[in-house]
Each structure stands twice: as C-alpha cells, then as structure tokens.
Amino acid sequence: MKIVFVVNNKNNRLAKILPMLHEACDRSDFGAVEFKHTTGRKHAIELGRNAAVNGCDFLIGVGGDGTLYELVNGLLQSEIPPQDLPVLGLLPYGSANDFARSAGINNSIEELIALILSNSTKKIDLGRIVLKQKQEIHFFVNIAGVGLGPLVVKSMEQSS
C-alpha cells in the first residue's frame, strides 16, 4: 500500500501533530508512506496530480478546504480514469474546515489510520465550473462562490 500525505505548510498548528502522524504511520506498517509539503498557493494541485500519475493508493490532504480543493483539481487534471484514481482523504487542520465539519470528518489521527486500514470510503459528489473567458475548468467539493465570498478569501490569503 502506498500513501501520500500532502501537508499545507502554511499552517503553524501542524508542527505539533506531524510528528504524531509520522509515528502513527510507522506503527501501522502501511508500507510506502510519503509526506509532500506545499510551498505556496496551488502547489497542492501539482502534488496531487503527481501522486496520481506516479501511483498511490491513498492521497491524504493535511490542511483545510483550500488543500482539499487543490487536491481534487490535481487528481482530475491528471486525466487518469476515475476508477484508477487514489482514494482521497482529509485530515482537517485548516482555517475553516467547512467540508470536514459538514461531512463529519474529525482531526483524529487514530481515526484516520483506522479508516485507511479498513479501506473505508465514501463517495461524494463534485461540482464543475467552466470559466469560458479563461478557458479553464475548476472542480469543487462543497461550495463555489462568486462576488463577496471569494473577495473575503482573497483578502485573508493576502493578509496571512
């Protein structure tokens, strides 16, 4: 089994939990486990795409809604048939964790390990937005916004 964790490096709280996550993975004897760290905005798209192309069984985002959004887009930009994509998971350590909260996903490392070991998965719906002027396609998990919402997000990103 091969697992790739994509860690949002922008989050300072992760310094405490990453050693615990490494330890839990070592104890679980998963086989190949890789930790990839983002270096900036949209980097998780590239990391997710590369993980899918290079082959992995599980792709786990360690971050929040933005990390999940980028990983979904990276997977679907890989042009790999859906049935051959890795299982996507989330260990929610983001700012808002809106999707995790509404989906009932907590930030327990032990629970994540148990879910991976049991191969317990749930299918979810995705949305797709086509930006005709830019000739771009974006996928989203739980919310897409126009107007004030995206402006607030952009402002938050610039202030951090």
N, C-alpha and C. Protein backbone atom coordinates (compact mmCIF):
# COMPACT_ATOMS: atom_id res chain seq x y z
N MET A 1 0.84 -1.17 0.00
CA MET A 1 0.00 0.00 0.00
C MET A 1 0.89 1.24 0.00
N LYS A 2 0.54 2.21 -0.84
CA LYS A 2 1.30 3.46 -0.90
C LYS A 2 0.37 4.62 -0.53
N ILE A 3 0.83 5.42 0.42
CA ILE A 3 0.06 6.57 0.89
C ILE A 3 0.89 7.83 0.70
N VAL A 4 0.27 8.86 0.15
CA VAL A 4 0.93 10.16 0.02
C VAL A 4 0.12 11.17 0.83
N PHE A 5 0.79 11.82 1.77
CA PHE A 5 0.20 12.90 2.55
C PHE A 5 0.67 14.21 1.94
N VAL A 6 -0.26 15.10 1.63
CA VAL A 6 0.09 16.44 1.15
C VAL A 6 -0.24 17.40 2.29
N VAL A 7 0.81 18.03 2.81
CA VAL A 7 0.70 18.85 4.01
C VAL A 7 0.74 20.33 3.63
N ASN A 8 -0.27 21.07 4.07
CA ASN A 8 -0.31 22.51 3.84
C ASN A 8 0.67 23.17 4.81
N ASN A 9 1.80 23.58 4.32
CA ASN A 9 2.86 24.14 5.17
C ASN A 9 2.52 25.50 5.75
N LYS A 10 1.45 26.12 5.28
CA LYS A 10 1.09 27.45 5.77
C LYS A 10 0.54 27.41 7.20
N ASN A 11 0.20 26.23 7.68
CA ASN A 11 -0.46 26.09 8.97
C ASN A 11 0.55 25.81 10.07
N ASN A 12 0.65 26.72 11.02
CA ASN A 12 1.61 26.57 12.12
C ASN A 12 1.22 25.48 13.11
N ARG A 13 -0.07 25.14 13.21
CA ARG A 13 -0.50 24.11 14.16
C ARG A 13 0.02 22.73 13.78
N LEU A 14 0.45 22.56 12.55
CA LEU A 14 0.88 21.24 12.09
C LEU A 14 2.20 20.81 12.71
N ALA A 15 2.99 21.74 13.19
CA ALA A 15 4.28 21.39 13.80
C ALA A 15 4.08 20.43 14.96
N LYS A 16 2.96 20.55 15.66
CA LYS A 16 2.68 19.68 16.80
C LYS A 16 2.20 18.30 16.38
N ILE A 17 1.37 18.24 15.34
CA ILE A 17 0.75 16.96 15.00
C ILE A 17 1.53 16.13 14.00
N LEU A 18 2.39 16.75 13.21
CA LEU A 18 3.12 15.97 12.19
C LEU A 18 3.99 14.87 12.79
N PRO A 19 4.72 15.12 13.88
CA PRO A 19 5.48 14.01 14.48
C PRO A 19 4.56 12.87 14.93
N MET A 20 3.38 13.21 15.44
CA MET A 20 2.43 12.16 15.86
C MET A 20 1.91 11.39 14.65
N LEU A 21 1.70 12.08 13.53
CA LEU A 21 1.23 11.42 12.32
C LEU A 21 2.30 10.49 11.77
N HIS A 22 3.55 10.95 11.74
CA HIS A 22 4.67 10.09 11.30
C HIS A 22 4.75 8.84 12.17
N GLU A 23 4.65 9.03 13.47
CA GLU A 23 4.73 7.92 14.43
C GLU A 23 3.60 6.91 14.19
N ALA A 24 2.38 7.42 14.02
CA ALA A 24 1.23 6.55 13.80
C ALA A 24 1.38 5.75 12.51
N CYS A 25 1.91 6.37 11.48
CA CYS A 25 2.13 5.67 10.21
C CYS A 25 3.18 4.58 10.37
N ASP A 26 4.25 4.88 11.11
CA ASP A 26 5.29 3.88 11.35
C ASP A 26 4.73 2.68 12.10
N ARG A 27 3.90 2.93 13.12
CA ARG A 27 3.30 1.85 13.91
C ARG A 27 2.35 1.01 13.08
N SER A 28 1.71 1.62 12.10
CA SER A 28 0.68 0.93 11.31
C SER A 28 1.26 0.08 10.20
N ASP A 29 2.54 0.24 9.92
CA ASP A 29 3.21 -0.57 8.91
C ASP A 29 2.47 -0.56 7.57
N PHE A 30 2.20 0.65 7.08
CA PHE A 30 1.48 0.81 5.82
C PHE A 30 2.28 0.37 4.60
N GLY A 31 3.56 0.41 4.69
CA GLY A 31 4.39 0.20 3.51
C GLY A 31 4.99 1.52 3.12
N ALA A 32 4.79 1.94 1.89
CA ALA A 32 5.37 3.20 1.41
C ALA A 32 4.49 4.38 1.83
N VAL A 33 5.08 5.28 2.60
CA VAL A 33 4.39 6.50 3.03
C VAL A 33 5.27 7.68 2.68
N GLU A 34 4.70 8.66 1.99
CA GLU A 34 5.45 9.87 1.62
C GLU A 34 4.72 11.09 2.16
N PHE A 35 5.50 12.06 2.60
CA PHE A 35 4.96 13.34 3.04
C PHE A 35 5.46 14.41 2.08
N LYS A 36 4.54 15.08 1.41
CA LYS A 36 4.87 16.17 0.50
C LYS A 36 4.35 17.46 1.11
N HIS A 37 5.18 18.49 1.13
CA HIS A 37 4.81 19.75 1.76
C HIS A 37 4.62 20.83 0.70
N THR A 38 3.53 21.57 0.82
CA THR A 38 3.28 22.64 -0.13
C THR A 38 4.23 23.80 0.13
N THR A 39 4.54 24.51 -0.94
CA THR A 39 5.41 25.68 -0.82
C THR A 39 4.67 26.97 -1.14
N GLY A 40 3.42 26.87 -1.52
CA GLY A 40 2.65 28.06 -1.85
C GLY A 40 1.30 27.71 -2.42
N ARG A 41 0.59 28.75 -2.76
CA ARG A 41 -0.75 28.60 -3.32
C ARG A 41 -0.70 27.78 -4.61
N LYS A 42 -1.64 26.88 -4.75
CA LYS A 42 -1.82 25.99 -5.91
C LYS A 42 -0.77 24.89 -6.03
N HIS A 43 0.17 24.81 -5.09
CA HIS A 43 1.18 23.76 -5.15
C HIS A 43 0.57 22.38 -4.90
N ALA A 44 -0.49 22.31 -4.09
CA ALA A 44 -1.14 21.03 -3.83
C ALA A 44 -1.77 20.46 -5.10
N ILE A 45 -2.13 21.32 -6.05
CA ILE A 45 -2.65 20.83 -7.33
C ILE A 45 -1.58 19.98 -8.01
N GLU A 46 -0.39 20.52 -8.08
CA GLU A 46 0.73 19.81 -8.71
C GLU A 46 1.08 18.54 -7.93
N LEU A 47 1.12 18.64 -6.60
CA LEU A 47 1.46 17.47 -5.79
C LEU A 47 0.42 16.37 -5.92
N GLY A 48 -0.85 16.74 -5.97
CA GLY A 48 -1.92 15.76 -6.14
C GLY A 48 -1.87 15.09 -7.50
N ARG A 49 -1.65 15.89 -8.53
CA ARG A 49 -1.54 15.35 -9.89
C ARG A 49 -0.36 14.39 -9.98
N ASN A 50 0.79 14.79 -9.43
CA ASN A 50 1.98 13.93 -9.47
C ASN A 50 1.76 12.63 -8.71
N ALA A 51 1.10 12.71 -7.57
CA ALA A 51 0.83 11.50 -6.78
C ALA A 51 -0.03 10.53 -7.58
N ALA A 52 -1.03 11.06 -8.27
CA ALA A 52 -1.91 10.20 -9.08
C ALA A 52 -1.15 9.58 -10.24
N VAL A 53 -0.37 10.39 -10.94
CA VAL A 53 0.38 9.91 -12.10
C VAL A 53 1.43 8.88 -11.69
N ASN A 54 2.10 9.11 -10.56
CA ASN A 54 3.14 8.19 -10.10
C ASN A 54 2.58 6.98 -9.38
N GLY A 55 1.31 7.00 -9.08
CA GLY A 55 0.64 5.87 -8.47
C GLY A 55 0.69 5.86 -6.96
N CYS A 56 -0.48 5.92 -6.35
CA CYS A 56 -0.60 5.73 -4.91
C CYS A 56 -2.01 5.22 -4.65
N ASP A 57 -2.17 4.59 -3.50
CA ASP A 57 -3.48 4.05 -3.14
C ASP A 57 -4.34 5.08 -2.41
N PHE A 58 -3.69 5.88 -1.57
CA PHE A 58 -4.38 6.91 -0.79
C PHE A 58 -3.64 8.23 -0.94
N LEU A 59 -4.39 9.29 -1.15
CA LEU A 59 -3.85 10.64 -1.17
C LEU A 59 -4.58 11.39 -0.07
N ILE A 60 -3.86 11.79 0.97
CA ILE A 60 -4.47 12.40 2.14
C ILE A 60 -4.01 13.85 2.26
N GLY A 61 -4.94 14.77 2.25
CA GLY A 61 -4.63 16.18 2.47
C GLY A 61 -4.58 16.46 3.96
N VAL A 62 -3.54 17.15 4.40
CA VAL A 62 -3.44 17.59 5.79
C VAL A 62 -3.53 19.11 5.72
N GLY A 63 -4.73 19.62 5.93
CA GLY A 63 -4.99 21.04 5.77
C GLY A 63 -6.49 21.27 5.85
N GLY A 64 -6.98 22.21 5.07
CA GLY A 64 -8.39 22.54 5.13
C GLY A 64 -9.06 22.49 3.78
N ASP A 65 -10.08 23.33 3.65
CA ASP A 65 -10.88 23.35 2.42
C ASP A 65 -10.04 23.70 1.19
N GLY A 66 -9.10 24.61 1.34
CA GLY A 66 -8.25 25.00 0.21
C GLY A 66 -7.36 23.86 -0.25
N THR A 67 -6.80 23.14 0.71
CA THR A 67 -5.95 21.99 0.38
C THR A 67 -6.77 20.93 -0.35
N LEU A 68 -7.97 20.66 0.17
CA LEU A 68 -8.86 19.67 -0.45
C LEU A 68 -9.23 20.10 -1.87
N TYR A 69 -9.57 21.37 -2.05
CA TYR A 69 -9.91 21.91 -3.37
C TYR A 69 -8.76 21.68 -4.35
N GLU A 70 -7.56 22.00 -3.92
CA GLU A 70 -6.40 21.86 -4.81
C GLU A 70 -6.13 20.40 -5.14
N LEU A 71 -6.25 19.51 -4.16
CA LEU A 71 -6.00 18.08 -4.43
C LEU A 71 -7.03 17.51 -5.40
N VAL A 72 -8.30 17.87 -5.22
CA VAL A 72 -9.34 17.41 -6.15
C VAL A 72 -9.01 17.86 -7.56
N ASN A 73 -8.61 19.11 -7.72
CA ASN A 73 -8.28 19.62 -9.05
C ASN A 73 -7.03 18.95 -9.61
N GLY A 74 -6.05 18.68 -8.78
CA GLY A 74 -4.86 17.97 -9.24
C GLY A 74 -5.18 16.56 -9.71
N LEU A 75 -6.01 15.85 -8.95
CA LEU A 75 -6.39 14.49 -9.34
C LEU A 75 -7.13 14.49 -10.67
N LEU A 76 -8.08 15.39 -10.80
CA LEU A 76 -8.90 15.39 -12.01
C LEU A 76 -8.19 15.98 -13.22
N GLN A 77 -7.14 16.74 -13.00
CA GLN A 77 -6.32 17.23 -14.11
C GLN A 77 -5.33 16.17 -14.59
N SER A 78 -5.19 15.10 -13.83
CA SER A 78 -4.22 14.07 -14.19
C SER A 78 -4.66 13.25 -15.39
N GLU A 79 -5.94 13.34 -15.75
CA GLU A 79 -6.53 12.60 -16.87
C GLU A 79 -6.46 11.08 -16.68
N ILE A 80 -6.30 10.66 -15.45
CA ILE A 80 -6.36 9.23 -15.12
C ILE A 80 -7.83 8.86 -14.99
N PRO A 81 -8.24 7.71 -15.50
CA PRO A 81 -9.65 7.31 -15.38
C PRO A 81 -10.08 7.30 -13.90
N PRO A 82 -11.29 7.75 -13.61
CA PRO A 82 -11.73 7.86 -12.22
C PRO A 82 -11.55 6.59 -11.39
N GLN A 83 -11.78 5.44 -12.01
CA GLN A 83 -11.66 4.18 -11.26
C GLN A 83 -10.21 3.87 -10.87
N ASP A 84 -9.25 4.53 -11.50
CA ASP A 84 -7.84 4.29 -11.20
C ASP A 84 -7.22 5.36 -10.30
N LEU A 85 -8.02 6.35 -9.91
CA LEU A 85 -7.50 7.40 -9.03
C LEU A 85 -7.35 6.88 -7.60
N PRO A 86 -6.43 7.46 -6.84
CA PRO A 86 -6.30 7.05 -5.44
C PRO A 86 -7.51 7.51 -4.63
N VAL A 87 -7.69 6.87 -3.49
CA VAL A 87 -8.70 7.32 -2.53
C VAL A 87 -8.22 8.64 -1.96
N LEU A 88 -9.09 9.63 -1.94
CA LEU A 88 -8.74 10.95 -1.42
C LEU A 88 -9.27 11.07 0.00
N GLY A 89 -8.41 11.49 0.91
CA GLY A 89 -8.81 11.67 2.30
C GLY A 89 -8.39 13.02 2.81
N LEU A 90 -8.86 13.36 4.00
CA LEU A 90 -8.56 14.65 4.59
C LEU A 90 -8.35 14.51 6.09
N LEU A 91 -7.25 15.05 6.56
CA LEU A 91 -7.02 15.23 8.00
C LEU A 91 -7.17 16.74 8.21
N PRO A 92 -8.33 17.18 8.71
CA PRO A 92 -8.65 18.61 8.69
C PRO A 92 -7.87 19.44 9.72
N TYR A 93 -6.95 20.23 9.22
CA TYR A 93 -6.20 21.18 10.03
C TYR A 93 -6.09 22.49 9.28
N GLY A 94 -7.23 22.99 8.80
CA GLY A 94 -7.24 24.25 8.07
C GLY A 94 -7.83 25.37 8.90
N SER A 95 -8.13 26.47 8.26
CA SER A 95 -8.70 27.63 8.96
C SER A 95 -10.17 27.42 9.27
N ALA A 96 -10.93 27.00 8.29
CA ALA A 96 -12.38 26.88 8.47
C ALA A 96 -12.84 25.43 8.55
N ASN A 97 -12.28 24.55 7.75
CA ASN A 97 -12.66 23.13 7.72
C ASN A 97 -14.16 22.95 7.50
N ASP A 98 -14.72 23.74 6.62
CA ASP A 98 -16.15 23.71 6.35
C ASP A 98 -16.60 22.34 5.84
N PHE A 99 -15.87 21.80 4.87
CA PHE A 99 -16.25 20.49 4.33
C PHE A 99 -16.15 19.41 5.39
N ALA A 100 -15.06 19.39 6.13
CA ALA A 100 -14.87 18.36 7.16
C ALA A 100 -16.00 18.41 8.18
N ARG A 101 -16.36 19.60 8.60
CA ARG A 101 -17.43 19.75 9.58
C ARG A 101 -18.75 19.22 9.03
N SER A 102 -19.09 19.59 7.80
CA SER A 102 -20.37 19.14 7.24
C SER A 102 -20.35 17.65 6.88
N ALA A 103 -19.18 17.08 6.63
CA ALA A 103 -19.08 15.66 6.30
C ALA A 103 -18.83 14.78 7.53
N GLY A 104 -18.69 15.41 8.69
CA GLY A 104 -18.46 14.63 9.92
C GLY A 104 -17.06 14.07 10.04
N ILE A 105 -16.08 14.74 9.43
CA ILE A 105 -14.68 14.29 9.49
C ILE A 105 -13.99 15.04 10.62
N ASN A 106 -13.39 14.30 11.55
CA ASN A 106 -12.67 14.98 12.63
C ASN A 106 -11.17 14.90 12.38
N ASN A 107 -10.39 15.54 13.24
CA ASN A 107 -8.95 15.57 13.03
C ASN A 107 -8.20 14.57 13.90
N SER A 108 -8.81 13.44 14.14
CA SER A 108 -8.18 12.37 14.92
C SER A 108 -7.25 11.55 14.02
N ILE A 109 -5.99 11.54 14.38
CA ILE A 109 -5.01 10.74 13.62
C ILE A 109 -5.36 9.26 13.74
N GLU A 110 -5.73 8.83 14.94
CA GLU A 110 -6.07 7.41 15.16
C GLU A 110 -7.24 6.98 14.29
N GLU A 111 -8.25 7.85 14.19
CA GLU A 111 -9.41 7.51 13.36
C GLU A 111 -9.03 7.45 11.88
N LEU A 112 -8.19 8.37 11.44
CA LEU A 112 -7.72 8.34 10.05
C LEU A 112 -6.99 7.04 9.75
N ILE A 113 -6.09 6.64 10.65
CA ILE A 113 -5.34 5.39 10.47
C ILE A 113 -6.29 4.20 10.38
N ALA A 114 -7.29 4.17 11.28
CA ALA A 114 -8.27 3.08 11.27
C ALA A 114 -9.06 3.04 9.97
N LEU A 115 -9.43 4.21 9.45
CA LEU A 115 -10.17 4.26 8.18
C LEU A 115 -9.32 3.75 7.02
N ILE A 116 -8.04 4.13 7.01
CA ILE A 116 -7.15 3.64 5.95
C ILE A 116 -7.01 2.13 6.04
N LEU A 117 -6.77 1.63 7.24
CA LEU A 117 -6.57 0.18 7.43
C LEU A 117 -7.82 -0.61 7.05
N SER A 118 -9.00 -0.05 7.30
CA SER A 118 -10.24 -0.76 6.97
C SER A 118 -10.68 -0.52 5.53
N ASN A 119 -9.94 0.36 4.83
CA ASN A 119 -10.28 0.73 3.45
C ASN A 119 -11.72 1.25 3.36
N SER A 120 -12.12 1.97 4.40
CA SER A 120 -13.47 2.53 4.47
C SER A 120 -13.54 3.82 3.67
N THR A 121 -14.39 3.85 2.66
CA THR A 121 -14.50 5.04 1.81
C THR A 121 -15.96 5.44 1.64
N LYS A 122 -16.17 6.69 1.26
CA LYS A 122 -17.49 7.20 0.90
C LYS A 122 -17.35 7.97 -0.40
N LYS A 123 -18.31 7.80 -1.27
CA LYS A 123 -18.32 8.59 -2.50
C LYS A 123 -19.03 9.91 -2.22
N ILE A 124 -18.50 10.97 -2.84
CA ILE A 124 -19.14 12.28 -2.72
C ILE A 124 -19.30 12.87 -4.11
N ASP A 125 -20.23 13.78 -4.23
CA ASP A 125 -20.42 14.48 -5.49
C ASP A 125 -19.43 15.64 -5.59
N LEU A 126 -19.03 15.93 -6.80
CA LEU A 126 -18.19 17.09 -7.08
C LEU A 126 -18.94 18.00 -8.04
N GLY A 127 -18.61 19.28 -7.96
CA GLY A 127 -19.16 20.23 -8.92
C GLY A 127 -18.08 20.65 -9.89
N ARG A 128 -18.51 21.16 -11.03
CA ARG A 128 -17.56 21.61 -12.05
C ARG A 128 -17.99 22.98 -12.55
N ILE A 129 -17.02 23.87 -12.63
CA ILE A 129 -17.27 25.21 -13.15
C ILE A 129 -16.38 25.41 -14.37
N VAL A 130 -16.97 25.91 -15.45
CA VAL A 130 -16.21 26.21 -16.66
C VAL A 130 -16.13 27.73 -16.78
N LEU A 131 -14.91 28.25 -16.76
CA LEU A 131 -14.68 29.68 -16.94
C LEU A 131 -14.39 29.90 -18.42
N LYS A 132 -15.40 30.33 -19.13
CA LYS A 132 -15.28 30.41 -20.59
C LYS A 132 -14.26 31.45 -21.04
N GLN A 133 -14.21 32.60 -20.37
CA GLN A 133 -13.27 33.64 -20.80
C GLN A 133 -11.83 33.19 -20.62
N LYS A 134 -11.56 32.44 -19.55
CA LYS A 134 -10.19 31.98 -19.29
C LYS A 134 -9.94 30.59 -19.87
N GLN A 135 -10.98 29.95 -20.37
CA GLN A 135 -10.87 28.59 -20.90
C GLN A 135 -10.31 27.64 -19.83
N GLU A 136 -10.88 27.72 -18.62
CA GLU A 136 -10.42 26.89 -17.51
C GLU A 136 -11.60 26.10 -16.94
N ILE A 137 -11.28 24.93 -16.41
CA ILE A 137 -12.26 24.12 -15.70
C ILE A 137 -11.77 23.96 -14.27
N HIS A 138 -12.66 24.20 -13.32
CA HIS A 138 -12.34 24.01 -11.91
C HIS A 138 -13.38 23.08 -11.30
N PHE A 139 -12.93 22.21 -10.42
CA PHE A 139 -13.82 21.31 -9.70
C PHE A 139 -13.91 21.79 -8.26
N PHE A 140 -15.05 21.55 -7.62
CA PHE A 140 -15.19 21.94 -6.22
C PHE A 140 -15.92 20.85 -5.46
N VAL A 141 -15.70 20.86 -4.16
CA VAL A 141 -16.26 19.80 -3.32
C VAL A 141 -17.57 20.24 -2.68
N ASN A 142 -17.54 21.25 -1.85
CA ASN A 142 -18.76 21.58 -1.11
C ASN A 142 -19.32 22.97 -1.39
N ILE A 143 -18.54 23.84 -1.97
CA ILE A 143 -19.05 25.19 -2.18
C ILE A 143 -18.27 25.87 -3.31
N ALA A 144 -18.99 26.66 -4.06
CA ALA A 144 -18.36 27.54 -5.06
C ALA A 144 -18.98 28.91 -4.85
N GLY A 145 -18.18 29.93 -4.97
CA GLY A 145 -18.71 31.26 -4.70
C GLY A 145 -18.31 32.27 -5.75
N VAL A 146 -19.13 33.29 -5.86
CA VAL A 146 -18.82 34.44 -6.71
C VAL A 146 -19.14 35.69 -5.91
N GLY A 147 -18.48 36.78 -6.25
CA GLY A 147 -18.78 38.04 -5.58
C GLY A 147 -18.02 38.22 -4.28
N LEU A 148 -18.74 38.52 -3.21
CA LEU A 148 -18.14 38.88 -1.93
C LEU A 148 -17.34 37.74 -1.30
N GLY A 149 -17.86 36.51 -1.34
CA GLY A 149 -17.17 35.37 -0.71
C GLY A 149 -15.74 35.20 -1.17
N PRO A 150 -15.51 35.09 -2.47
CA PRO A 150 -14.13 34.95 -2.96
C PRO A 150 -13.25 36.16 -2.64
N LEU A 151 -13.85 37.35 -2.59
CA LEU A 151 -13.07 38.54 -2.23
C LEU A 151 -12.57 38.45 -0.79
N VAL A 152 -13.41 37.93 0.10
CA VAL A 152 -13.00 37.75 1.50
C VAL A 152 -11.88 36.73 1.59
N VAL A 153 -12.00 35.62 0.87
CA VAL A 153 -10.95 34.60 0.87
C VAL A 153 -9.64 35.18 0.35
N LYS A 154 -9.71 35.92 -0.74
CA LYS A 154 -8.51 36.53 -1.32
C LYS A 154 -7.87 37.50 -0.32
N SER A 155 -8.68 38.27 0.36
CA SER A 155 -8.17 39.21 1.36
C SER A 155 -7.49 38.48 2.51
N MET A 156 -8.09 37.37 2.96
CA MET A 156 -7.49 36.58 4.04
C MET A 156 -6.15 35.99 3.61
N GLU A 157 -6.09 35.51 2.36
CA GLU A 157 -4.84 34.92 1.86
C GLU A 157 -3.73 35.96 1.80
N GLN A 158 -4.08 37.18 1.41
CA GLN A 158 -3.08 38.23 1.29
C GLN A 158 -2.60 38.72 2.65
N SER A 159 -3.46 38.64 3.67
CA SER A 159 -3.07 39.13 4.99
C SER A 159 -2.27 38.12 5.79
N SER A 160 -2.26 36.85 5.35
CA SER A 160 -1.51 35.84 6.13
C SER A 160 -0.15 35.57 5.55
